[in-house]
Amino acid sequence: MSQPVDDLSQFDISKEEKDKLVAEVIRYVLFKTHHNSGCPIKREELTQLLTKNYRQRNLPTLVINEAIQKLSTIFGYEMRELQRSRPSSTNQGRFSQQSVAEAKSYVILSKLPSDVYKKYVEDDRTAPLTGFTFVVLSVVHISGGKTTEEDLWRHLRRMGLDEKNESHPALGNIKQALETLVQQRYLQKDKVSGPEGHTLFYELAERALDAPVSDSIKAYIAQIVNKEVGTADADD
């Protein structure tokens, strides 16, 4: 049981100071997640929060790991680490190990069973954006994980979602709703130069590529395909 004390001795801080830092990280993560509509929180932000008054190099890792544990055991959240993905057209060799480390971010996910979360926690006001998210990610997924802006809007217009619509009854500004998915790191935008000028691509980003979301997208697509097959069989 003396191990935690031994761990803290190298940082020259008391258990009370460490506990205060852990609580500060938890408060920051919960507030930022709610305030920014679930946008990932950069590890760099948490590191800056912890090094305002403390300069010990490995202290942020200790505190963040304990915050992750307490968010899980006390609050029922998984604080999941994501590695920021780069556009497929980007020259990966340009980025240093430091830039890769700085690209790490976190999202928090409820550990409640999906049916319990939907019944007792989920806000009905966010349901339209959740549905929009799955539709958009599914379109990009079946396009091979990457599609042009023109093709994406062409598919969305077929579903009644026009980029010029700024007052959709459920989503409001459709173009801004799509930009929200970029901010939340479900999608990333990449402008590519070609013989005919610049083409804007939308590509699945790290949050959409993370296993829980990726599996849900595949299940959603399979559900739609099965429904269409069932309808076709019934017509026959």
Protein backbone atom coordinates (compact mmCIF):
# COMPACT_ATOMS: atom_id res chain seq x y z
CA MET A 1 0.00 0.00 0.00
CA SER A 2 3.04 2.29 0.20
CA GLN A 3 3.46 2.33 -3.59
CA PRO A 4 1.42 5.53 -4.22
CA VAL A 5 3.59 7.43 -1.71
CA ASP A 6 6.71 6.14 -3.49
CA ASP A 7 5.27 7.27 -6.80
CA LEU A 8 4.61 10.77 -5.48
CA SER A 9 8.02 11.19 -3.90
CA GLN A 10 9.63 11.77 -7.28
CA PHE A 11 7.24 14.65 -7.97
CA ASP A 12 7.70 16.42 -4.64
CA ILE A 13 3.95 16.87 -4.13
CA SER A 14 1.60 15.62 -1.43
CA LYS A 15 -1.27 13.20 -1.92
CA GLU A 16 -3.67 16.09 -1.28
CA GLU A 17 -2.07 18.14 -4.06
CA LYS A 18 -2.23 15.19 -6.43
CA ASP A 19 -5.88 14.52 -5.60
CA LYS A 20 -6.67 18.19 -6.24
CA LEU A 21 -5.04 18.00 -9.67
CA VAL A 22 -6.96 14.82 -10.53
CA ALA A 23 -10.24 16.52 -9.55
CA GLU A 24 -9.29 19.54 -11.65
CA VAL A 25 -8.72 17.35 -14.72
CA ILE A 26 -12.04 15.58 -14.23
CA ARG A 27 -13.92 18.88 -13.89
CA TYR A 28 -12.20 20.26 -16.99
CA VAL A 29 -12.96 17.18 -19.09
CA LEU A 30 -16.64 17.01 -18.08
CA PHE A 31 -17.19 20.76 -18.55
CA LYS A 32 -15.35 20.96 -21.87
CA THR A 33 -17.17 17.89 -23.25
CA HIS A 34 -20.57 19.40 -22.38
CA HIS A 35 -19.67 22.94 -23.46
CA ASN A 36 -18.12 21.92 -26.80
CA SER A 37 -20.71 19.33 -27.85
CA GLY A 38 -18.39 16.37 -27.35
CA CYS A 39 -15.42 17.72 -29.31
CA PRO A 40 -12.22 15.82 -28.42
CA ILE A 41 -10.00 17.38 -25.76
CA LYS A 42 -6.33 17.63 -26.71
CA ARG A 43 -3.85 16.03 -24.34
CA GLU A 44 -1.83 19.21 -24.74
CA GLU A 45 -4.65 21.16 -23.04
CA LEU A 46 -4.58 18.85 -20.02
CA THR A 47 -0.79 19.02 -19.85
CA GLN A 48 -0.88 22.82 -19.82
CA LEU A 49 -3.52 22.72 -17.09
CA LEU A 50 -1.27 20.54 -14.93
CA THR A 51 2.00 22.34 -15.54
CA LYS A 52 0.82 25.84 -14.63
CA ASN A 53 2.25 25.45 -11.13
CA TYR A 54 4.17 22.18 -11.44
CA ARG A 55 7.12 21.53 -13.73
CA GLN A 56 7.69 17.81 -13.10
CA ARG A 57 7.90 16.16 -16.51
CA ASN A 58 5.95 12.95 -15.83
CA LEU A 59 3.34 14.44 -13.52
CA PRO A 60 0.69 14.94 -16.25
CA THR A 61 0.82 11.24 -17.15
CA LEU A 62 0.30 10.20 -13.51
CA VAL A 63 -2.59 12.62 -12.97
CA ILE A 64 -4.33 11.93 -16.30
CA ASN A 65 -4.14 8.16 -15.76
CA GLU A 66 -5.74 8.51 -12.32
CA ALA A 67 -8.41 10.82 -13.74
CA ILE A 68 -9.18 8.18 -16.38
CA GLN A 69 -9.56 5.56 -13.64
CA LYS A 70 -11.85 7.73 -11.49
CA LEU A 71 -14.01 8.78 -14.43
CA SER A 72 -14.56 5.07 -15.04
CA THR A 73 -15.16 3.84 -11.48
CA ILE A 74 -17.03 6.84 -10.08
CA PHE A 75 -18.75 8.51 -13.04
CA GLY A 76 -19.20 5.55 -15.39
CA TYR A 77 -17.32 7.15 -18.28
CA GLU A 78 -14.55 5.77 -20.42
CA MET A 79 -12.02 8.50 -21.20
CA ARG A 80 -10.84 7.17 -24.51
CA GLU A 81 -7.57 8.23 -26.13
CA LEU A 82 -7.60 8.98 -29.84
CA GLN A 83 -4.61 9.46 -32.12
CA ARG A 84 -5.31 12.27 -34.56
CA SER A 85 -5.40 10.90 -38.09
CA ARG A 86 -3.81 12.72 -40.98
CA PRO A 87 -5.46 13.24 -44.38
CA SER A 88 -4.51 10.38 -46.70
CA SER A 89 -3.02 12.84 -49.18
CA THR A 90 -0.63 14.26 -46.56
CA ASN A 91 3.04 13.36 -46.63
CA GLN A 92 3.36 11.52 -43.32
CA GLY A 93 7.12 11.98 -43.26
CA ARG A 94 6.78 15.66 -42.54
CA PHE A 95 5.54 15.12 -39.00
CA SER A 96 7.89 14.60 -36.09
CA GLN A 97 7.36 12.31 -33.13
CA GLN A 98 6.61 15.42 -31.07
CA SER A 99 3.81 16.49 -33.41
CA VAL A 100 2.33 12.98 -33.22
CA ALA A 101 2.37 13.11 -29.41
CA GLU A 102 0.71 16.53 -29.46
CA ALA A 103 -2.01 15.12 -31.73
CA LYS A 104 -3.38 12.82 -29.03
CA SER A 105 -6.82 13.70 -27.71
CA TYR A 106 -9.56 12.28 -25.51
CA VAL A 107 -13.31 11.78 -25.69
CA ILE A 108 -15.52 10.45 -22.95
CA LEU A 109 -17.99 7.66 -23.62
CA SER A 110 -20.69 6.38 -21.32
CA LYS A 111 -20.16 2.82 -20.08
CA LEU A 112 -23.89 2.32 -19.56
CA PRO A 113 -25.65 -0.25 -21.75
CA SER A 114 -27.01 1.50 -24.85
CA ASP A 115 -30.67 0.85 -23.96
CA VAL A 116 -30.21 2.25 -20.43
CA TYR A 117 -28.32 5.28 -21.74
CA LYS A 118 -30.99 5.98 -24.32
CA LYS A 119 -33.80 5.73 -21.77
CA TYR A 120 -32.31 7.68 -18.86
CA VAL A 121 -29.44 9.84 -20.15
CA GLU A 122 -29.72 10.69 -23.83
CA ASP A 123 -31.05 14.14 -24.59
CA ASP A 124 -33.83 14.00 -27.17
CA ARG A 125 -32.62 17.33 -28.56
CA THR A 126 -29.38 15.70 -29.74
CA ALA A 127 -31.13 12.81 -31.53
CA PRO A 128 -31.40 14.62 -34.93
CA LEU A 129 -27.66 15.40 -34.96
CA THR A 130 -26.88 11.81 -33.97
CA GLY A 131 -28.97 10.56 -36.89
CA PHE A 132 -27.33 13.06 -39.23
CA THR A 133 -23.91 11.91 -38.03
CA PHE A 134 -24.64 8.28 -38.86
CA VAL A 135 -26.06 9.16 -42.27
CA VAL A 136 -23.03 11.26 -43.24
CA LEU A 137 -20.47 8.80 -41.91
CA SER A 138 -22.23 5.93 -43.65
CA VAL A 139 -22.12 7.79 -46.99
CA VAL A 140 -18.38 8.44 -46.56
CA HIS A 141 -17.77 4.87 -45.38
CA ILE A 142 -19.42 3.22 -48.39
CA SER A 143 -17.44 5.62 -50.61
CA GLY A 144 -14.25 4.01 -49.34
CA GLY A 145 -13.68 6.27 -46.35
CA LYS A 146 -13.22 9.39 -48.49
CA THR A 147 -15.42 11.38 -50.83
CA THR A 148 -15.46 14.75 -52.56
CA GLU A 149 -17.56 17.56 -51.14
CA GLU A 150 -19.61 17.56 -54.36
CA ASP A 151 -20.44 13.84 -54.12
CA LEU A 152 -21.26 14.06 -50.41
CA TRP A 153 -23.76 16.85 -50.92
CA ARG A 154 -25.20 15.05 -53.94
CA HIS A 155 -26.02 12.05 -51.71
CA LEU A 156 -27.33 14.24 -48.89
CA ARG A 157 -29.60 16.23 -51.23
CA ARG A 158 -31.23 12.96 -52.27
CA MET A 159 -32.22 12.61 -48.60
CA GLY A 160 -33.60 16.14 -48.44
CA LEU A 161 -30.51 17.66 -46.81
CA ASP A 162 -29.45 20.69 -48.84
CA GLU A 163 -26.31 22.67 -48.01
CA LYS A 164 -28.23 25.90 -48.71
CA ASN A 165 -30.83 25.13 -46.04
CA GLU A 166 -30.07 27.29 -43.00
CA SER A 167 -33.32 26.59 -41.15
CA HIS A 168 -33.90 22.84 -41.17
CA PRO A 169 -36.61 22.06 -38.56
CA ALA A 170 -34.38 19.60 -36.69
CA LEU A 171 -30.80 20.46 -37.66
CA GLY A 172 -30.91 24.18 -38.32
CA ASN A 173 -28.07 25.18 -40.64
CA ILE A 174 -27.22 21.99 -42.56
CA LYS A 175 -23.79 23.21 -43.64
CA GLN A 176 -22.92 24.10 -40.04
CA ALA A 177 -24.15 20.67 -38.90
CA LEU A 178 -21.62 19.10 -41.27
CA GLU A 179 -18.88 21.43 -39.97
CA THR A 180 -19.73 20.27 -36.43
CA LEU A 181 -18.76 16.73 -37.47
CA VAL A 182 -15.37 18.09 -38.53
CA GLN A 183 -14.93 19.87 -35.20
CA GLN A 184 -15.90 16.70 -33.34
CA ARG A 185 -13.28 14.80 -35.40
CA TYR A 186 -15.71 12.41 -37.04
CA LEU A 187 -14.61 13.89 -40.37
CA GLN A 188 -11.64 15.81 -41.66
CA LYS A 189 -11.45 18.10 -44.66
CA ASP A 190 -8.58 18.09 -47.12
CA LYS A 191 -8.16 20.43 -50.08
CA VAL A 192 -6.23 18.74 -52.91
CA SER A 193 -4.78 20.57 -55.90
CA GLY A 194 -5.25 19.04 -59.34
CA PRO A 195 -5.19 19.94 -63.04
CA GLU A 196 -8.72 21.36 -62.78
CA GLY A 197 -8.09 23.34 -59.60
CA HIS A 198 -8.75 22.60 -55.94
CA THR A 199 -11.04 19.75 -54.84
CA LEU A 200 -12.31 19.50 -51.28
CA PHE A 201 -12.45 15.99 -49.83
CA TYR A 202 -14.19 14.72 -46.70
CA GLU A 203 -12.50 11.76 -45.05
CA LEU A 204 -13.28 9.67 -41.96
CA ALA A 205 -11.28 11.04 -39.01
CA GLU A 206 -10.05 9.29 -35.87
CA ARG A 207 -13.35 9.36 -34.00
CA ALA A 208 -15.19 7.64 -36.86
CA LEU A 209 -12.34 5.14 -37.25
CA ASP A 210 -12.36 4.26 -33.53
CA ALA A 211 -13.79 0.77 -33.00
CA PRO A 212 -17.06 1.62 -31.14
CA VAL A 213 -18.17 4.17 -33.75
CA SER A 214 -16.82 2.23 -36.72
CA ASP A 215 -18.67 -0.93 -35.63
CA SER A 216 -21.89 1.07 -35.14
CA ILE A 217 -21.60 2.55 -38.64
CA LYS A 218 -21.14 -0.93 -40.17
CA ALA A 219 -24.13 -2.23 -38.20
CA TYR A 220 -26.22 0.75 -39.34
CA ILE A 221 -25.30 0.14 -42.99
CA ALA A 222 -26.02 -3.59 -42.66
CA GLN A 223 -29.42 -2.78 -41.16
CA ILE A 224 -30.33 -0.55 -44.10
CA VAL A 225 -29.08 -3.11 -46.65
CA ASN A 226 -31.05 -5.91 -45.00
CA LYS A 227 -34.16 -3.75 -44.93
CA GLU A 228 -33.82 -2.98 -48.64
CA VAL A 229 -33.24 -6.65 -49.47
CA GLY A 230 -36.31 -7.58 -47.44
CA THR A 231 -38.39 -4.96 -49.28
CA ALA A 232 -37.17 -6.22 -52.66
CA ASP A 233 -38.02 -9.83 -51.74
CA ALA A 234 -41.50 -8.76 -50.65
CA ASP A 235 -42.06 -6.97 -53.96
CA ASP A 236 -41.08 -10.13 -55.83
